[in-house]
Amino acid sequence: MQWYDRFSVCPSVLMIVFIEIIIISWYYGVDKFCANIKEMNKRKPFINWRLSWKFICPLALLTIIVMDTISFTKLSYGEYKYPIWSNVVGYSLNFIAVLPLLCYPLIKYLLDRRNK
């Protein structure tokens, strides 16, 4: 359970949310996103939401991801120290979860470049 708790959420979900916020706020555009929200709610989001989506959230998420990576310690439970391979397997599974999000833009860019 300790292994699952350490590797199930922290690295992969944070990376997915970070990539998601970058795509929405920088690639799709905060202005388009706010226009979509206005269509649904009849009100445009306040400036604090736009600033948060574009700057504060990505910076906060990146800080959490970097601090999590820097403060890496071997997994342990009380006196028991998990073997190093269990840490490698945990981070490998997280990397596999994030890999499609990292590969898709690269593949799309290469295909678009080839078709020009």
PDB file of N, CA and C in Angstrom:
ATOM      1  N   MET A   1       0.819  -1.193   0.000  1.00  0.00           N
ATOM      2  CA  MET A   1       0.000   0.000   0.000  1.00  0.00           C
ATOM      3  C   MET A   1       0.867   1.263   0.000  1.00  0.00           C
ATOM      4  N   GLN A   2       1.975   1.203   0.702  1.00  0.00           N
ATOM      5  CA  GLN A   2       2.904   2.346   0.754  1.00  0.00           C
ATOM      6  C   GLN A   2       3.442   2.666  -0.639  1.00  0.00           C
ATOM      7  N   TRP A   3       3.800   1.642  -1.377  1.00  0.00           N
ATOM      8  CA  TRP A   3       4.332   1.815  -2.733  1.00  0.00           C
ATOM      9  C   TRP A   3       3.271   2.464  -3.631  1.00  0.00           C
ATOM     10  N   TYR A   4       2.054   1.950  -3.537  1.00  0.00           N
ATOM     11  CA  TYR A   4       0.958   2.484  -4.346  1.00  0.00           C
ATOM     12  C   TYR A   4       0.695   3.949  -3.994  1.00  0.00           C
ATOM     13  N   ASP A   5       0.713   4.252  -2.712  1.00  0.00           N
ATOM     14  CA  ASP A   5       0.460   5.613  -2.260  1.00  0.00           C
ATOM     15  C   ASP A   5       1.518   6.576  -2.792  1.00  0.00           C
ATOM     16  N   ARG A   6       2.762   6.160  -2.838  1.00  0.00           N
ATOM     17  CA  ARG A   6       3.855   7.027  -3.295  1.00  0.00           C
ATOM     18  C   ARG A   6       3.851   7.242  -4.805  1.00  0.00           C
ATOM     19  N   PHE A   7       3.558   6.195  -5.566  1.00  0.00           N
ATOM     20  CA  PHE A   7       3.725   6.282  -7.012  1.00  0.00           C
ATOM     21  C   PHE A   7       2.427   6.410  -7.805  1.00  0.00           C
ATOM     22  N   SER A   8       1.275   6.326  -7.174  1.00  0.00           N
ATOM     23  CA  SER A   8       0.043   6.351  -7.956  1.00  0.00           C
ATOM     24  C   SER A   8      -0.380   7.754  -8.364  1.00  0.00           C
ATOM     25  N   VAL A   9      -0.159   8.733  -7.534  1.00  0.00           N
ATOM     26  CA  VAL A   9      -0.693  10.060  -7.812  1.00  0.00           C
ATOM     27  C   VAL A   9       0.381  11.088  -8.113  1.00  0.00           C
ATOM     28  N   CYS A  10       1.313  11.202  -7.248  1.00  0.00           N
ATOM     29  CA  CYS A  10       2.203  12.369  -7.268  1.00  0.00           C
ATOM     30  C   CYS A  10       2.849  12.674  -8.620  1.00  0.00           C
ATOM     31  N   PRO A  11       3.721  11.864  -9.139  1.00  0.00           N
ATOM     32  CA  PRO A  11       4.425  12.301 -10.349  1.00  0.00           C
ATOM     33  C   PRO A  11       3.542  12.382 -11.594  1.00  0.00           C
ATOM     34  N   SER A  12       2.797  11.335 -11.887  1.00  0.00           N
ATOM     35  CA  SER A  12       2.086  11.317 -13.173  1.00  0.00           C
ATOM     36  C   SER A  12       0.910  12.278 -13.225  1.00  0.00           C
ATOM     37  N   VAL A  13       0.115  12.348 -12.191  1.00  0.00           N
ATOM     38  CA  VAL A  13      -1.048  13.235 -12.214  1.00  0.00           C
ATOM     39  C   VAL A  13      -0.607  14.691 -12.253  1.00  0.00           C
ATOM     40  N   LEU A  14       0.429  15.029 -11.514  1.00  0.00           N
ATOM     41  CA  LEU A  14       0.923  16.404 -11.549  1.00  0.00           C
ATOM     42  C   LEU A  14       1.448  16.767 -12.933  1.00  0.00           C
ATOM     43  N   MET A  15       2.154  15.851 -13.578  1.00  0.00           N
ATOM     44  CA  MET A  15       2.654  16.113 -14.927  1.00  0.00           C
ATOM     45  C   MET A  15       1.506  16.265 -15.923  1.00  0.00           C
ATOM     46  N   ILE A  16       0.499  15.413 -15.806  1.00  0.00           N
ATOM     47  CA  ILE A  16      -0.651  15.490 -16.710  1.00  0.00           C
ATOM     48  C   ILE A  16      -1.381  16.817 -16.538  1.00  0.00           C
ATOM     49  N   VAL A  17      -1.594  17.240 -15.301  1.00  0.00           N
ATOM     50  CA  VAL A  17      -2.274  18.510 -15.045  1.00  0.00           C
ATOM     51  C   VAL A  17      -1.421  19.676 -15.537  1.00  0.00           C
ATOM     52  N   PHE A  18      -0.104  19.605 -15.343  1.00  0.00           N
ATOM     53  CA  PHE A  18       0.793  20.658 -15.815  1.00  0.00           C
ATOM     54  C   PHE A  18       0.727  20.779 -17.340  1.00  0.00           C
ATOM     55  N   ILE A  19       0.799  19.665 -18.032  1.00  0.00           N
ATOM     56  CA  ILE A  19       0.731  19.685 -19.496  1.00  0.00           C
ATOM     57  C   ILE A  19      -0.638  20.188 -19.950  1.00  0.00           C
ATOM     58  N   GLU A  20      -1.687  19.784 -19.252  1.00  0.00           N
ATOM     59  CA  GLU A  20      -3.036  20.222 -19.580  1.00  0.00           C
ATOM     60  C   GLU A  20      -3.186  21.738 -19.456  1.00  0.00           C
ATOM     61  N   ILE A  21      -2.678  22.309 -18.376  1.00  0.00           N
ATOM     62  CA  ILE A  21      -2.822  23.753 -18.177  1.00  0.00           C
ATOM     63  C   ILE A  21      -1.984  24.525 -19.176  1.00  0.00           C
ATOM     64  N   ILE A  22      -0.829  24.000 -19.567  1.00  0.00           N
ATOM     65  CA  ILE A  22      -0.001  24.652 -20.577  1.00  0.00           C
ATOM     66  C   ILE A  22      -0.715  24.627 -21.930  1.00  0.00           C
ATOM     67  N   ILE A  23      -1.301  23.489 -22.273  1.00  0.00           N
ATOM     68  CA  ILE A  23      -1.999  23.379 -23.553  1.00  0.00           C
ATOM     69  C   ILE A  23      -3.193  24.321 -23.595  1.00  0.00           C
ATOM     70  N   ILE A  24      -3.985  24.357 -22.529  1.00  0.00           N
ATOM     71  CA  ILE A  24      -5.179  25.199 -22.520  1.00  0.00           C
ATOM     72  C   ILE A  24      -4.812  26.679 -22.508  1.00  0.00           C
ATOM     73  N   SER A  25      -3.876  27.069 -21.659  1.00  0.00           N
ATOM     74  CA  SER A  25      -3.621  28.501 -21.512  1.00  0.00           C
ATOM     75  C   SER A  25      -2.664  29.072 -22.553  1.00  0.00           C
ATOM     76  N   TRP A  26      -1.716  28.286 -23.035  1.00  0.00           N
ATOM     77  CA  TRP A  26      -0.734  28.836 -23.960  1.00  0.00           C
ATOM     78  C   TRP A  26      -0.968  28.401 -25.412  1.00  0.00           C
ATOM     79  N   TYR A  27      -1.363  27.154 -25.624  1.00  0.00           N
ATOM     80  CA  TYR A  27      -1.558  26.696 -27.000  1.00  0.00           C
ATOM     81  C   TYR A  27      -2.960  27.065 -27.503  1.00  0.00           C
ATOM     82  N   TYR A  28      -3.983  26.662 -26.748  1.00  0.00           N
ATOM     83  CA  TYR A  28      -5.356  26.984 -27.151  1.00  0.00           C
ATOM     84  C   TYR A  28      -5.627  28.466 -26.948  1.00  0.00           C
ATOM     85  N   GLY A  29      -5.175  29.002 -25.846  1.00  0.00           N
ATOM     86  CA  GLY A  29      -5.309  30.427 -25.571  1.00  0.00           C
ATOM     87  C   GLY A  29      -6.335  30.725 -24.497  1.00  0.00           C
ATOM     88  N   VAL A  30      -5.935  31.553 -23.562  1.00  0.00           N
ATOM     89  CA  VAL A  30      -6.822  31.924 -22.469  1.00  0.00           C
ATOM     90  C   VAL A  30      -8.027  32.703 -22.990  1.00  0.00           C
ATOM     91  N   ASP A  31      -7.816  33.544 -24.003  1.00  0.00           N
ATOM     92  CA  ASP A  31      -8.939  34.327 -24.537  1.00  0.00           C
ATOM     93  C   ASP A  31     -10.013  33.437 -25.160  1.00  0.00           C
ATOM     94  N   LYS A  32      -9.584  32.439 -25.931  1.00  0.00           N
ATOM     95  CA  LYS A  32     -10.562  31.495 -26.515  1.00  0.00           C
ATOM     96  C   LYS A  32     -11.265  30.704 -25.410  1.00  0.00           C
ATOM     97  N   PHE A  33     -10.483  30.291 -24.401  1.00  0.00           N
ATOM     98  CA  PHE A  33     -11.037  29.520 -23.286  1.00  0.00           C
ATOM     99  C   PHE A  33     -12.070  30.354 -22.530  1.00  0.00           C
ATOM    100  N   CYS A  34     -11.762  31.630 -22.301  1.00  0.00           N
ATOM    101  CA  CYS A  34     -12.711  32.517 -21.627  1.00  0.00           C
ATOM    102  C   CYS A  34     -13.958  32.747 -22.473  1.00  0.00           C
ATOM    103  N   ALA A  35     -13.786  32.826 -23.795  1.00  0.00           N
ATOM    104  CA  ALA A  35     -14.939  32.964 -24.683  1.00  0.00           C
ATOM    105  C   ALA A  35     -15.829  31.721 -24.608  1.00  0.00           C
ATOM    106  N   ASN A  36     -15.210  30.537 -24.512  1.00  0.00           N
ATOM    107  CA  ASN A  36     -15.993  29.307 -24.349  1.00  0.00           C
ATOM    108  C   ASN A  36     -16.766  29.308 -23.040  1.00  0.00           C
ATOM    109  N   ILE A  37     -16.130  29.786 -21.984  1.00  0.00           N
ATOM    110  CA  ILE A  37     -16.807  29.855 -20.686  1.00  0.00           C
ATOM    111  C   ILE A  37     -17.949  30.856 -20.746  1.00  0.00           C
ATOM    112  N   LYS A  38     -17.742  31.977 -21.443  1.00  0.00           N
ATOM    113  CA  LYS A  38     -18.805  32.978 -21.584  1.00  0.00           C
ATOM    114  C   LYS A  38     -20.001  32.404 -22.332  1.00  0.00           C
ATOM    115  N   GLU A  39     -19.753  31.580 -23.349  1.00  0.00           N
ATOM    116  CA  GLU A  39     -20.849  30.925 -24.065  1.00  0.00           C
ATOM    117  C   GLU A  39     -21.682  30.056 -23.137  1.00  0.00           C
ATOM    118  N   MET A  40     -21.016  29.390 -22.203  1.00  0.00           N
ATOM    119  CA  MET A  40     -21.721  28.474 -21.308  1.00  0.00           C
ATOM    120  C   MET A  40     -22.376  29.193 -20.136  1.00  0.00           C
ATOM    121  N   ASN A  41     -21.703  30.190 -19.566  1.00  0.00           N
ATOM    122  CA  ASN A  41     -22.172  30.824 -18.328  1.00  0.00           C
ATOM    123  C   ASN A  41     -22.736  32.223 -18.505  1.00  0.00           C
ATOM    124  N   LYS A  42     -22.617  32.770 -19.705  1.00  0.00           N
ATOM    125  CA  LYS A  42     -23.077  34.134 -20.006  1.00  0.00           C
ATOM    126  C   LYS A  42     -22.239  35.211 -19.310  1.00  0.00           C
ATOM    127  N   ARG A  43     -21.149  34.826 -18.668  1.00  0.00           N
ATOM    128  CA  ARG A  43     -20.243  35.796 -18.043  1.00  0.00           C
ATOM    129  C   ARG A  43     -18.812  35.406 -18.361  1.00  0.00           C
ATOM    130  N   LYS A  44     -18.000  36.397 -18.614  1.00  0.00           N
ATOM    131  CA  LYS A  44     -16.584  36.161 -18.862  1.00  0.00           C
ATOM    132  C   LYS A  44     -15.864  36.064 -17.513  1.00  0.00           C
ATOM    133  N   PRO A  45     -14.911  35.131 -17.367  1.00  0.00           N
ATOM    134  CA  PRO A  45     -14.177  35.021 -16.097  1.00  0.00           C
ATOM    135  C   PRO A  45     -13.391  36.296 -15.783  1.00  0.00           C
ATOM    136  N   PHE A  46     -13.258  36.578 -14.502  1.00  0.00           N
ATOM    137  CA  PHE A  46     -12.502  37.745 -14.063  1.00  0.00           C
ATOM    138  C   PHE A  46     -11.032  37.603 -14.434  1.00  0.00           C
ATOM    139  N   ILE A  47     -10.329  38.701 -14.399  1.00  0.00           N
ATOM    140  CA  ILE A  47      -8.910  38.738 -14.769  1.00  0.00           C
ATOM    141  C   ILE A  47      -8.069  37.834 -13.862  1.00  0.00           C
ATOM    142  N   ASN A  48      -8.464  37.700 -12.590  1.00  0.00           N
ATOM    143  CA  ASN A  48      -7.686  36.849 -11.686  1.00  0.00           C
ATOM    144  C   ASN A  48      -7.674  35.387 -12.141  1.00  0.00           C
ATOM    145  N   TRP A  49      -8.768  34.913 -12.750  1.00  0.00           N
ATOM    146  CA  TRP A  49      -8.790  33.550 -13.277  1.00  0.00           C
ATOM    147  C   TRP A  49      -7.833  33.418 -14.456  1.00  0.00           C
ATOM    148  N   ARG A  50      -7.843  34.412 -15.338  1.00  0.00           N
ATOM    149  CA  ARG A  50      -6.966  34.364 -16.510  1.00  0.00           C
ATOM    150  C   ARG A  50      -5.497  34.391 -16.108  1.00  0.00           C
ATOM    151  N   LEU A  51      -5.163  35.248 -15.155  1.00  0.00           N
ATOM    152  CA  LEU A  51      -3.782  35.293 -14.661  1.00  0.00           C
ATOM    153  C   LEU A  51      -3.392  33.982 -13.986  1.00  0.00           C
ATOM    154  N   SER A  52      -4.325  33.442 -13.253  1.00  0.00           N
ATOM    155  CA  SER A  52      -4.065  32.180 -12.562  1.00  0.00           C
ATOM    156  C   SER A  52      -3.830  31.045 -13.552  1.00  0.00           C
ATOM    157  N   TRP A  53      -4.676  30.932 -14.574  1.00  0.00           N
ATOM    158  CA  TRP A  53      -4.532  29.865 -15.565  1.00  0.00           C
ATOM    159  C   TRP A  53      -3.260  30.005 -16.372  1.00  0.00           C
ATOM    160  N   LYS A  54      -2.871  31.228 -16.655  1.00  0.00           N
ATOM    161  CA  LYS A  54      -1.731  31.436 -17.540  1.00  0.00           C
ATOM    162  C   LYS A  54      -0.385  31.434 -16.814  1.00  0.00           C
ATOM    163  N   PHE A  55      -0.339  31.958 -15.592  1.00  0.00           N
ATOM    164  CA  PHE A  55       0.946  32.119 -14.924  1.00  0.00           C
ATOM    165  C   PHE A  55       1.060  31.387 -13.589  1.00  0.00           C
ATOM    166  N   ILE A  56       0.112  31.600 -12.699  1.00  0.00           N
ATOM    167  CA  ILE A  56       0.247  31.101 -11.331  1.00  0.00           C
ATOM    168  C   ILE A  56       0.167  29.580 -11.259  1.00  0.00           C
ATOM    169  N   CYS A  57      -0.848  28.990 -11.879  1.00  0.00           N
ATOM    170  CA  CYS A  57      -0.999  27.522 -11.828  1.00  0.00           C
ATOM    171  C   CYS A  57       0.166  26.777 -12.480  1.00  0.00           C
ATOM    172  N   PRO A  58       0.590  27.161 -13.698  1.00  0.00           N
ATOM    173  CA  PRO A  58       1.743  26.446 -14.266  1.00  0.00           C
ATOM    174  C   PRO A  58       3.001  26.573 -13.416  1.00  0.00           C
ATOM    175  N   LEU A  59       3.240  27.767 -12.876  1.00  0.00           N
ATOM    176  CA  LEU A  59       4.422  27.966 -12.043  1.00  0.00           C
ATOM    177  C   LEU A  59       4.339  27.152 -10.752  1.00  0.00           C
ATOM    178  N   ALA A  60       3.161  27.135 -10.124  1.00  0.00           N
ATOM    179  CA  ALA A  60       2.978  26.359  -8.899  1.00  0.00           C
ATOM    180  C   ALA A  60       3.138  24.860  -9.163  1.00  0.00           C
ATOM    181  N   LEU A  61       2.536  24.376 -10.237  1.00  0.00           N
ATOM    182  CA  LEU A  61       2.654  22.955 -10.562  1.00  0.00           C
ATOM    183  C   LEU A  61       4.090  22.573 -10.899  1.00  0.00           C
ATOM    184  N   LEU A  62       4.768  23.408 -11.667  1.00  0.00           N
ATOM    185  CA  LEU A  62       6.166  23.134 -11.993  1.00  0.00           C
ATOM    186  C   LEU A  62       7.027  23.125 -10.735  1.00  0.00           C
ATOM    187  N   THR A  63       6.775  24.037  -9.818  1.00  0.00           N
ATOM    188  CA  THR A  63       7.512  24.071  -8.555  1.00  0.00           C
ATOM    189  C   THR A  63       7.283  22.794  -7.755  1.00  0.00           C
ATOM    190  N   ILE A  64       6.041  22.345  -7.691  1.00  0.00           N
ATOM    191  CA  ILE A  64       5.740  21.111  -6.952  1.00  0.00           C
ATOM    192  C   ILE A  64       6.431  19.916  -7.600  1.00  0.00           C
ATOM    193  N   ILE A  65       6.411  19.833  -8.918  1.00  0.00           N
ATOM    194  CA  ILE A  65       7.045  18.716  -9.622  1.00  0.00           C
ATOM    195  C   ILE A  65       8.550  18.728  -9.392  1.00  0.00           C
ATOM    196  N   VAL A  66       9.182  19.909  -9.501  1.00  0.00           N
ATOM    197  CA  VAL A  66      10.634  20.008  -9.289  1.00  0.00           C
ATOM    198  C   VAL A  66      10.986  19.677  -7.847  1.00  0.00           C
ATOM    199  N   MET A  67      10.238  20.196  -6.896  1.00  0.00           N
ATOM    200  CA  MET A  67      10.524  19.912  -5.483  1.00  0.00           C
ATOM    201  C   MET A  67      10.315  18.436  -5.160  1.00  0.00           C
ATOM    202  N   ASP A  68       9.313  17.813  -5.753  1.00  0.00           N
ATOM    203  CA  ASP A  68       9.093  16.383  -5.558  1.00  0.00           C
ATOM    204  C   ASP A  68      10.267  15.578  -6.110  1.00  0.00           C
ATOM    205  N   THR A  69      10.783  16.005  -7.253  1.00  0.00           N
ATOM    206  CA  THR A  69      11.917  15.307  -7.856  1.00  0.00           C
ATOM    207  C   THR A  69      13.188  15.521  -7.042  1.00  0.00           C
ATOM    208  N   ILE A  70      13.413  16.738  -6.596  1.00  0.00           N
ATOM    209  CA  ILE A  70      14.619  17.042  -5.818  1.00  0.00           C
ATOM    210  C   ILE A  70      14.605  16.330  -4.470  1.00  0.00           C
ATOM    211  N   SER A  71      13.455  16.280  -3.840  1.00  0.00           N
ATOM    212  CA  SER A  71      13.370  15.693  -2.497  1.00  0.00           C
ATOM    213  C   SER A  71      13.141  14.183  -2.526  1.00  0.00           C
ATOM    214  N   PHE A  72      13.504  13.544  -3.626  1.00  0.00           N
ATOM    215  CA  PHE A  72      13.330  12.095  -3.740  1.00  0.00           C
ATOM    216  C   PHE A  72      14.118  11.371  -2.661  1.00  0.00           C
ATOM    217  N   THR A  73      13.447  10.482  -1.963  1.00  0.00           N
ATOM    218  CA  THR A  73      14.101   9.579  -1.020  1.00  0.00           C
ATOM    219  C   THR A  73      13.630   8.171  -1.318  1.00  0.00           C
ATOM    220  N   LYS A  74      14.475   7.224  -1.027  1.00  0.00           N
ATOM    221  CA  LYS A  74      14.077   5.833  -1.237  1.00  0.00           C
ATOM    222  C   LYS A  74      12.830   5.528  -0.413  1.00  0.00           C
ATOM    223  N   LEU A  75      11.963   4.749  -0.996  1.00  0.00           N
ATOM    224  CA  LEU A  75      10.718   4.386  -0.340  1.00  0.00           C
ATOM    225  C   LEU A  75      11.000   3.471   0.841  1.00  0.00           C
ATOM    226  N   SER A  76      10.357   3.768   1.971  1.00  0.00           N
ATOM    227  CA  SER A  76      10.524   2.929   3.163  1.00  0.00           C
ATOM    228  C   SER A  76       9.215   2.910   3.937  1.00  0.00           C
ATOM    229  N   TYR A  77       9.109   1.893   4.773  1.00  0.00           N
ATOM    230  CA  TYR A  77       7.947   1.772   5.640  1.00  0.00           C
ATOM    231  C   TYR A  77       8.465   1.352   7.008  1.00  0.00           C
ATOM    232  N   GLY A  78       8.532   2.306   7.911  1.00  0.00           N
ATOM    233  CA  GLY A  78       9.116   2.021   9.212  1.00  0.00           C
ATOM    234  C   GLY A  78      10.598   1.714   9.051  1.00  0.00           C
ATOM    235  N   GLU A  79      11.002   0.546   9.514  1.00  0.00           N
ATOM    236  CA  GLU A  79      12.398   0.113   9.376  1.00  0.00           C
ATOM    237  C   GLU A  79      12.690  -0.515   8.021  1.00  0.00           C
ATOM    238  N   TYR A  80      11.639  -0.959   7.335  1.00  0.00           N
ATOM    239  CA  TYR A  80      11.839  -1.663   6.064  1.00  0.00           C
ATOM    240  C   TYR A  80      12.173  -0.682   4.950  1.00  0.00           C
ATOM    241  N   LYS A  81      13.224  -0.950   4.237  1.00  0.00           N
ATOM    242  CA  LYS A  81      13.612  -0.157   3.066  1.00  0.00           C
ATOM    243  C   LYS A  81      13.273  -0.963   1.819  1.00  0.00           C
ATOM    244  N   TYR A  82      12.457  -0.381   0.956  1.00  0.00           N
ATOM    245  CA  TYR A  82      12.109  -1.052  -0.294  1.00  0.00           C
ATOM    246  C   TYR A  82      13.342  -1.148  -1.182  1.00  0.00           C
ATOM    247  N   PRO A  83      13.440  -2.213  -1.976  1.00  0.00           N
ATOM    248  CA  PRO A  83      14.584  -2.324  -2.883  1.00  0.00           C
ATOM    249  C   PRO A  83      14.539  -1.248  -3.968  1.00  0.00           C
ATOM    250  N   ILE A  84      15.686  -0.919  -4.525  1.00  0.00           N
ATOM    251  CA  ILE A  84      15.778   0.145  -5.520  1.00  0.00           C
ATOM    252  C   ILE A  84      14.937  -0.167  -6.753  1.00  0.00           C
ATOM    253  N   TRP A  85      14.799  -1.441  -7.106  1.00  0.00           N
ATOM    254  CA  TRP A  85      14.020  -1.783  -8.291  1.00  0.00           C
ATOM    255  C   TRP A  85      12.559  -1.386  -8.129  1.00  0.00           C
ATOM    256  N   SER A  86      12.032  -1.380  -6.893  1.00  0.00           N
ATOM    257  CA  SER A  86      10.633  -0.973  -6.710  1.00  0.00           C
ATOM    258  C   SER A  86      10.454   0.514  -7.007  1.00  0.00           C
ATOM    259  N   ASN A  87      11.449   1.328  -6.684  1.00  0.00           N
ATOM    260  CA  ASN A  87      11.403   2.749  -7.047  1.00  0.00           C
ATOM    261  C   ASN A  87      11.488   2.921  -8.557  1.00  0.00           C
ATOM    262  N   VAL A  88      12.352   2.147  -9.203  1.00  0.00           N
ATOM    263  CA  VAL A  88      12.507   2.221 -10.655  1.00  0.00           C
ATOM    264  C   VAL A  88      11.208   1.818 -11.344  1.00  0.00           C
ATOM    265  N   VAL A  89      10.575   0.750 -10.869  1.00  0.00           N
ATOM    266  CA  VAL A  89       9.300   0.308 -11.452  1.00  0.00           C
ATOM    267  C   VAL A  89       8.225   1.382 -11.255  1.00  0.00           C
ATOM    268  N   GLY A  90       8.177   1.983 -10.074  1.00  0.00           N
ATOM    269  CA  GLY A  90       7.177   3.024  -9.808  1.00  0.00           C
ATOM    270  C   GLY A  90       7.324   4.221 -10.728  1.00  0.00           C
ATOM    271  N   TYR A  91       8.543   4.720 -10.867  1.00  0.00           N
ATOM    272  CA  TYR A  91       8.746   5.869 -11.758  1.00  0.00           C
ATOM    273  C   TYR A  91       8.585   5.480 -13.224  1.00  0.00           C
ATOM    274  N   SER A  92       8.899   4.242 -13.571  1.00  0.00           N
ATOM    275  CA  SER A  92       8.691   3.786 -14.952  1.00  0.00           C
ATOM    276  C   SER A  92       7.210   3.756 -15.301  1.00  0.00           C
ATOM    277  N   LEU A  93       6.385   3.286 -14.387  1.00  0.00           N
ATOM    278  CA  LEU A  93       4.941   3.273 -14.627  1.00  0.00           C
ATOM    279  C   LEU A  93       4.392   4.694 -14.761  1.00  0.00           C
ATOM    280  N   ASN A  94       4.906   5.613 -13.964  1.00  0.00           N
ATOM    281  CA  ASN A  94       4.498   7.010 -14.092  1.00  0.00           C
ATOM    282  C   ASN A  94       4.936   7.585 -15.429  1.00  0.00           C
ATOM    283  N   PHE A  95       6.128   7.245 -15.871  1.00  0.00           N
ATOM    284  CA  PHE A  95       6.628   7.737 -17.148  1.00  0.00           C
ATOM    285  C   PHE A  95       5.783   7.195 -18.300  1.00  0.00           C
ATOM    286  N   ILE A  96       5.381   5.933 -18.207  1.00  0.00           N
ATOM    287  CA  ILE A  96       4.534   5.329 -19.235  1.00  0.00           C
ATOM    288  C   ILE A  96       3.179   6.046 -19.301  1.00  0.00           C
ATOM    289  N   ALA A  97       2.657   6.479 -18.154  1.00  0.00           N
ATOM    290  CA  ALA A  97       1.373   7.186 -18.135  1.00  0.00           C
ATOM    291  C   ALA A  97       1.473   8.547 -18.800  1.00  0.00           C
ATOM    292  N   VAL A  98       2.619   9.204 -18.699  1.00  0.00           N
ATOM    293  CA  VAL A  98       2.801  10.551 -19.242  1.00  0.00           C
ATOM    294  C   VAL A  98       3.337  10.524 -20.674  1.00  0.00           C
ATOM    295  N   LEU A  99       3.927   9.422 -21.087  1.00  0.00           N
ATOM    296  CA  LEU A  99       4.574   9.327 -22.390  1.00  0.00           C
ATOM    297  C   LEU A  99       3.685   9.725 -23.572  1.00  0.00           C
ATOM    298  N   PRO A 100       2.425   9.280 -23.648  1.00  0.00           N
ATOM    299  CA  PRO A 100       1.596   9.709 -24.791  1.00  0.00           C
ATOM    300  C   PRO A 100       1.419  11.222 -24.870  1.00  0.00           C
ATOM    301  N   LEU A 101       1.326  11.876 -23.719  1.00  0.00           N
ATOM    302  CA  LEU A 101       1.179  13.331 -23.721  1.00  0.00           C
ATOM    303  C   LEU A 101       2.445  14.030 -24.202  1.00  0.00           C
ATOM    304  N   LEU A 102       3.574  13.406 -24.010  1.00  0.00           N
ATOM    305  CA  LEU A 102       4.828  13.988 -24.468  1.00  0.00           C
ATOM    306  C   LEU A 102       5.106  13.656 -25.932  1.00  0.00           C
ATOM    307  N   CYS A 103       4.688  12.475 -26.380  1.00  0.00           N
ATOM    308  CA  CYS A 103       4.972  12.033 -27.749  1.00  0.00           C
ATOM    309  C   CYS A 103       4.027  12.643 -28.775  1.00  0.00           C
ATOM    310  N   TYR A 104       2.771  12.844 -28.424  1.00  0.00           N
ATOM    311  CA  TYR A 104       1.797  13.333 -29.397  1.00  0.00           C
ATOM    312  C   TYR A 104       2.197  14.675 -30.019  1.00  0.00           C
ATOM    313  N   PRO A 105       2.569  15.681 -29.211  1.00  0.00           N
ATOM    314  CA  PRO A 105       2.957  16.949 -29.852  1.00  0.00           C
ATOM    315  C   PRO A 105       4.172  16.809 -30.764  1.00  0.00           C
ATOM    316  N   LEU A 106       5.109  15.984 -30.373  1.00  0.00           N
ATOM    317  CA  LEU A 106       6.298  15.779 -31.201  1.00  0.00           C
ATOM    318  C   LEU A 106       5.932  15.109 -32.523  1.00  0.00           C
ATOM    319  N   ILE A 107       5.109  14.081 -32.472  1.00  0.00           N
ATOM    320  CA  ILE A 107       4.677  13.384 -33.686  1.00  0.00           C
ATOM    321  C   ILE A 107       3.866  14.325 -34.569  1.00  0.00           C
ATOM    322  N   LYS A 108       2.951  15.086 -33.973  1.00  0.00           N
ATOM    323  CA  LYS A 108       2.139  16.048 -34.739  1.00  0.00           C
ATOM    324  C   LYS A 108       3.021  17.086 -35.413  1.00  0.00           C
ATOM    325  N   TYR A 109       3.999  17.589 -34.695  1.00  0.00           N
ATOM    326  CA  TYR A 109       4.920  18.584 -35.265  1.00  0.00           C
ATOM    327  C   TYR A 109       5.700  17.999 -36.439  1.00  0.00           C
ATOM    328  N   LEU A 110       6.203  16.797 -36.265  1.00  0.00           N
ATOM    329  CA  LEU A 110       6.973  16.167 -37.340  1.00  0.00           C
ATOM    330  C   LEU A 110       6.110  15.867 -38.559  1.00  0.00           C
ATOM    331  N   LEU A 111       4.882  15.416 -38.347  1.00  0.00           N
ATOM    332  CA  LEU A 111       3.983  15.151 -39.475  1.00  0.00           C
ATOM    333  C   LEU A 111       3.589  16.442 -40.188  1.00  0.00           C
ATOM    334  N   ASP A 112       3.313  17.484 -39.431  1.00  0.00           N
ATOM    335  CA  ASP A 112       2.967  18.775 -40.056  1.00  0.00           C
ATOM    336  C   ASP A 112       4.148  19.317 -40.848  1.00  0.00           C
ATOM    337  N   ARG A 113       5.320  19.162 -40.340  1.00  0.00           N
ATOM    338  CA  ARG A 113       6.515  19.643 -41.011  1.00  0.00           C
ATOM    339  C   ARG A 113       6.777  18.859 -42.298  1.00  0.00           C
ATOM    340  N   ARG A 114       6.512  17.559 -42.259  1.00  0.00           N
ATOM    341  CA  ARG A 114       6.720  16.715 -43.441  1.00  0.00           C
ATOM    342  C   ARG A 114       5.696  17.032 -44.522  1.00  0.00           C
ATOM    343  N   ASN A 115       4.468  17.400 -44.137  1.00  0.00           N
ATOM    344  CA  ASN A 115       3.410  17.673 -45.107  1.00  0.00           C
ATOM    345  C   ASN A 115       3.521  19.049 -45.751  1.00  0.00           C
ATOM    346  N   LYS A 116       4.393  19.897 -45.271  1.00  0.00           N
ATOM    347  CA  LYS A 116       4.529  21.241 -45.857  1.00  0.00           C
ATOM    348  C   LYS A 116       5.361  21.231 -47.093  1.00  0.00           C
TER     349      LYS A 116
END
